[in-house]
N, C-alpha and C. Protein backbone atom coordinates (compact mmCIF):
# COMPACT_ATOMS: atom_id res chain seq x y z
N MET A 1 28.19 1.33 51.44
CA MET A 1 26.83 1.85 51.41
C MET A 1 25.84 0.70 51.57
N THR A 2 24.94 0.83 52.52
CA THR A 2 23.94 -0.21 52.73
C THR A 2 22.65 0.16 52.05
N SER A 3 22.00 -0.85 51.52
CA SER A 3 20.74 -0.64 50.84
C SER A 3 19.61 -0.94 51.82
N LYS A 4 18.64 -0.06 51.90
CA LYS A 4 17.49 -0.29 52.78
C LYS A 4 16.32 -0.74 51.94
N LYS A 5 16.06 -2.02 51.96
CA LYS A 5 14.96 -2.57 51.18
C LYS A 5 13.64 -2.32 51.91
N ARG A 6 12.66 -1.83 51.19
CA ARG A 6 11.34 -1.60 51.80
C ARG A 6 10.61 -2.92 51.97
N THR A 7 9.82 -2.98 53.00
CA THR A 7 9.03 -4.18 53.25
C THR A 7 7.78 -4.15 52.37
N ASN A 8 7.20 -5.33 52.17
CA ASN A 8 5.98 -5.43 51.36
C ASN A 8 4.85 -4.58 51.92
N ASP A 9 4.75 -4.51 53.24
CA ASP A 9 3.66 -3.72 53.83
C ASP A 9 3.84 -2.23 53.53
N LEU A 10 5.07 -1.76 53.50
CA LEU A 10 5.30 -0.35 53.18
C LEU A 10 4.98 -0.06 51.72
N VAL A 11 5.38 -0.96 50.82
CA VAL A 11 5.07 -0.80 49.39
C VAL A 11 3.55 -0.85 49.19
N ALA A 12 2.90 -1.80 49.86
CA ALA A 12 1.44 -1.92 49.76
C ALA A 12 0.76 -0.63 50.23
N PHE A 13 1.20 -0.11 51.36
CA PHE A 13 0.64 1.14 51.88
C PHE A 13 0.79 2.26 50.87
N GLU A 14 1.98 2.39 50.28
CA GLU A 14 2.22 3.47 49.32
C GLU A 14 1.32 3.34 48.09
N ILE A 15 1.17 2.13 47.57
CA ILE A 15 0.32 1.93 46.39
C ILE A 15 -1.13 2.26 46.71
N LEU A 16 -1.63 1.75 47.83
CA LEU A 16 -3.02 2.01 48.21
C LEU A 16 -3.27 3.50 48.43
N LYS A 17 -2.29 4.18 49.02
CA LYS A 17 -2.42 5.62 49.27
C LYS A 17 -2.44 6.40 47.96
N ILE A 18 -1.55 6.05 47.03
CA ILE A 18 -1.47 6.73 45.74
C ILE A 18 -2.78 6.57 44.96
N CYS A 19 -3.43 5.42 45.11
CA CYS A 19 -4.62 5.11 44.30
C CYS A 19 -5.94 5.56 44.93
N VAL A 20 -5.90 6.20 46.08
CA VAL A 20 -7.15 6.61 46.74
C VAL A 20 -8.04 7.43 45.81
N ASN A 21 -7.45 8.36 45.08
CA ASN A 21 -8.25 9.19 44.15
C ASN A 21 -8.11 8.73 42.71
N GLY A 22 -7.52 7.55 42.50
CA GLY A 22 -7.32 7.02 41.16
C GLY A 22 -5.94 7.41 40.64
N ALA A 23 -5.26 6.45 40.03
CA ALA A 23 -3.92 6.72 39.50
C ALA A 23 -3.62 5.77 38.35
N SER A 24 -2.85 6.27 37.39
CA SER A 24 -2.39 5.42 36.28
C SER A 24 -1.22 4.56 36.78
N LYS A 25 -0.91 3.51 36.03
CA LYS A 25 0.21 2.65 36.39
C LYS A 25 1.51 3.47 36.42
N THR A 26 1.67 4.38 35.48
CA THR A 26 2.87 5.21 35.44
C THR A 26 3.01 6.05 36.70
N ARG A 27 1.91 6.66 37.12
CA ARG A 27 1.94 7.48 38.34
C ARG A 27 2.29 6.62 39.56
N ILE A 28 1.71 5.43 39.63
CA ILE A 28 2.00 4.51 40.74
C ILE A 28 3.48 4.17 40.76
N VAL A 29 4.02 3.81 39.60
CA VAL A 29 5.43 3.42 39.50
C VAL A 29 6.34 4.57 39.97
N TYR A 30 6.09 5.77 39.48
CA TYR A 30 6.96 6.89 39.84
C TYR A 30 6.78 7.33 41.29
N GLN A 31 5.55 7.46 41.75
CA GLN A 31 5.33 7.95 43.11
C GLN A 31 5.72 6.92 44.18
N ALA A 32 5.59 5.64 43.87
CA ALA A 32 5.96 4.60 44.84
C ALA A 32 7.42 4.18 44.67
N ASN A 33 8.11 4.81 43.72
CA ASN A 33 9.51 4.50 43.45
C ASN A 33 9.72 3.01 43.15
N LEU A 34 8.93 2.51 42.21
CA LEU A 34 9.01 1.11 41.76
C LEU A 34 9.37 1.10 40.29
N ASN A 35 9.53 -0.08 39.72
CA ASN A 35 9.60 -0.18 38.27
C ASN A 35 8.35 -0.96 37.83
N PHE A 36 8.10 -0.97 36.53
CA PHE A 36 6.87 -1.58 36.04
C PHE A 36 6.78 -3.07 36.37
N SER A 37 7.90 -3.78 36.28
CA SER A 37 7.86 -5.23 36.55
C SER A 37 7.65 -5.51 38.04
N THR A 38 8.07 -4.62 38.90
CA THR A 38 7.84 -4.78 40.34
C THR A 38 6.40 -4.43 40.70
N ALA A 39 5.87 -3.39 40.07
CA ALA A 39 4.52 -2.91 40.39
C ALA A 39 3.45 -3.90 39.93
N LYS A 40 3.69 -4.55 38.79
CA LYS A 40 2.67 -5.42 38.17
C LYS A 40 2.11 -6.48 39.12
N PRO A 41 2.96 -7.27 39.81
CA PRO A 41 2.39 -8.29 40.71
C PRO A 41 1.56 -7.69 41.85
N TYR A 42 2.01 -6.55 42.38
CA TYR A 42 1.23 -5.89 43.44
C TYR A 42 -0.16 -5.52 42.91
N LEU A 43 -0.20 -4.90 41.74
CA LEU A 43 -1.48 -4.45 41.18
C LEU A 43 -2.41 -5.64 40.93
N TYR A 44 -1.89 -6.70 40.32
CA TYR A 44 -2.72 -7.87 40.06
C TYR A 44 -3.25 -8.48 41.36
N ARG A 45 -2.36 -8.62 42.34
CA ARG A 45 -2.76 -9.21 43.62
C ARG A 45 -3.82 -8.35 44.31
N PHE A 46 -3.63 -7.04 44.28
CA PHE A 46 -4.58 -6.14 44.94
C PHE A 46 -5.94 -6.15 44.25
N ILE A 47 -5.93 -6.28 42.93
CA ILE A 47 -7.19 -6.37 42.18
C ILE A 47 -7.89 -7.68 42.53
N GLU A 48 -7.15 -8.78 42.52
CA GLU A 48 -7.71 -10.11 42.85
C GLU A 48 -8.34 -10.12 44.24
N ARG A 49 -7.73 -9.42 45.17
CA ARG A 49 -8.21 -9.44 46.56
C ARG A 49 -9.19 -8.31 46.87
N GLY A 50 -9.57 -7.56 45.85
CA GLY A 50 -10.58 -6.53 46.04
C GLY A 50 -10.08 -5.27 46.73
N LEU A 51 -8.77 -5.03 46.69
CA LEU A 51 -8.20 -3.84 47.31
C LEU A 51 -8.12 -2.67 46.33
N LEU A 52 -8.03 -3.00 45.05
CA LEU A 52 -8.01 -1.99 43.98
C LEU A 52 -9.06 -2.37 42.95
N GLU A 53 -9.63 -1.36 42.30
CA GLU A 53 -10.51 -1.61 41.17
C GLU A 53 -9.91 -0.95 39.93
N VAL A 54 -10.21 -1.50 38.78
CA VAL A 54 -9.71 -0.99 37.51
C VAL A 54 -10.84 -0.18 36.87
N ILE A 55 -10.53 1.06 36.54
CA ILE A 55 -11.52 1.93 35.92
C ILE A 55 -11.00 2.32 34.53
N PRO A 56 -11.68 1.84 33.46
CA PRO A 56 -11.26 2.26 32.11
C PRO A 56 -11.65 3.72 31.88
N MET A 57 -10.69 4.51 31.42
CA MET A 57 -10.93 5.93 31.14
C MET A 57 -10.51 6.17 29.69
N GLY A 58 -11.37 5.82 28.77
CA GLY A 58 -11.01 5.94 27.36
C GLY A 58 -9.93 4.93 27.02
N SER A 59 -8.79 5.41 26.57
CA SER A 59 -7.71 4.51 26.18
C SER A 59 -6.78 4.18 27.34
N ARG A 60 -7.00 4.79 28.50
CA ARG A 60 -6.13 4.50 29.65
C ARG A 60 -6.88 3.81 30.78
N ILE A 61 -6.10 3.25 31.67
CA ILE A 61 -6.66 2.53 32.81
C ILE A 61 -6.28 3.28 34.08
N VAL A 62 -7.23 3.42 34.98
CA VAL A 62 -6.97 4.05 36.27
C VAL A 62 -7.22 3.01 37.35
N TYR A 63 -6.32 2.96 38.32
CA TYR A 63 -6.46 2.05 39.46
C TYR A 63 -6.94 2.88 40.64
N LYS A 64 -8.00 2.39 41.31
CA LYS A 64 -8.59 3.13 42.42
C LYS A 64 -8.72 2.21 43.63
N THR A 65 -8.34 2.73 44.79
CA THR A 65 -8.45 1.97 46.03
C THR A 65 -9.92 1.78 46.39
N THR A 66 -10.30 0.55 46.68
CA THR A 66 -11.67 0.23 47.08
C THR A 66 -11.85 0.51 48.58
N PRO A 67 -13.09 0.48 49.07
CA PRO A 67 -13.29 0.64 50.52
C PRO A 67 -12.48 -0.39 51.33
N LYS A 68 -12.41 -1.62 50.85
CA LYS A 68 -11.61 -2.65 51.52
C LYS A 68 -10.13 -2.26 51.52
N GLY A 69 -9.66 -1.69 50.41
CA GLY A 69 -8.28 -1.23 50.31
C GLY A 69 -8.00 -0.05 51.22
N ILE A 70 -8.97 0.85 51.34
CA ILE A 70 -8.82 2.01 52.23
C ILE A 70 -8.72 1.54 53.68
N ASP A 71 -9.51 0.55 54.05
CA ASP A 71 -9.44 -0.01 55.40
C ASP A 71 -8.03 -0.58 55.66
N LEU A 72 -7.50 -1.34 54.72
CA LEU A 72 -6.16 -1.90 54.88
C LEU A 72 -5.12 -0.79 54.94
N LYS A 73 -5.24 0.22 54.09
CA LYS A 73 -4.31 1.35 54.10
C LYS A 73 -4.30 2.03 55.46
N GLU A 74 -5.46 2.24 56.04
CA GLU A 74 -5.55 2.89 57.35
C GLU A 74 -4.94 2.02 58.45
N ARG A 75 -5.14 0.69 58.37
CA ARG A 75 -4.54 -0.21 59.36
C ARG A 75 -3.01 -0.21 59.22
N LEU A 76 -2.52 -0.22 57.98
CA LEU A 76 -1.07 -0.18 57.76
C LEU A 76 -0.48 1.14 58.25
N GLU A 77 -1.23 2.23 58.06
CA GLU A 77 -0.77 3.54 58.53
C GLU A 77 -0.64 3.56 60.06
N ARG A 78 -1.64 3.00 60.75
CA ARG A 78 -1.58 2.93 62.22
C ARG A 78 -0.41 2.06 62.67
N PHE A 79 -0.22 0.93 62.00
CA PHE A 79 0.88 0.02 62.32
C PHE A 79 2.22 0.74 62.17
N GLN A 80 2.41 1.42 61.05
CA GLN A 80 3.68 2.13 60.82
C GLN A 80 3.89 3.22 61.85
N SER A 81 2.83 3.89 62.23
CA SER A 81 2.93 4.93 63.25
C SER A 81 3.37 4.35 64.59
N GLU A 82 2.76 3.22 64.96
CA GLU A 82 3.12 2.57 66.22
C GLU A 82 4.55 2.06 66.20
N ILE A 83 4.98 1.49 65.09
CA ILE A 83 6.37 1.01 64.95
C ILE A 83 7.32 2.20 65.05
N GLY A 84 6.96 3.28 64.39
CA GLY A 84 7.79 4.49 64.44
C GLY A 84 7.96 5.01 65.86
N GLU A 85 6.88 4.97 66.64
CA GLU A 85 6.94 5.42 68.03
C GLU A 85 7.85 4.50 68.85
N LEU A 86 7.81 3.21 68.57
CA LEU A 86 8.68 2.27 69.29
C LEU A 86 10.17 2.52 69.00
N MET A 87 10.44 2.94 67.77
CA MET A 87 11.83 3.11 67.33
C MET A 87 12.39 4.48 67.68
N ASP A 88 11.54 5.41 68.12
CA ASP A 88 12.03 6.76 68.49
C ASP A 88 12.77 6.74 69.79
């Protein structure tokens, strides 16, 4: 059985897409099929680079894709679409 490791750009796309309307860390982990220790560096890096914003909601934190993050998500989506067409 071969393991298909996802590329960083695919993981980044999934996280940015999940967070468009705001998402908790738990939701990100489950929907992107990650674990908490894998998700953490992505979240920190995306926050540092202005791709995600942190929104405190009472006792919980919500991560939301910024306009800069939405732009990157759309570019990654186009890239994946073009790659998919090449591989068909």
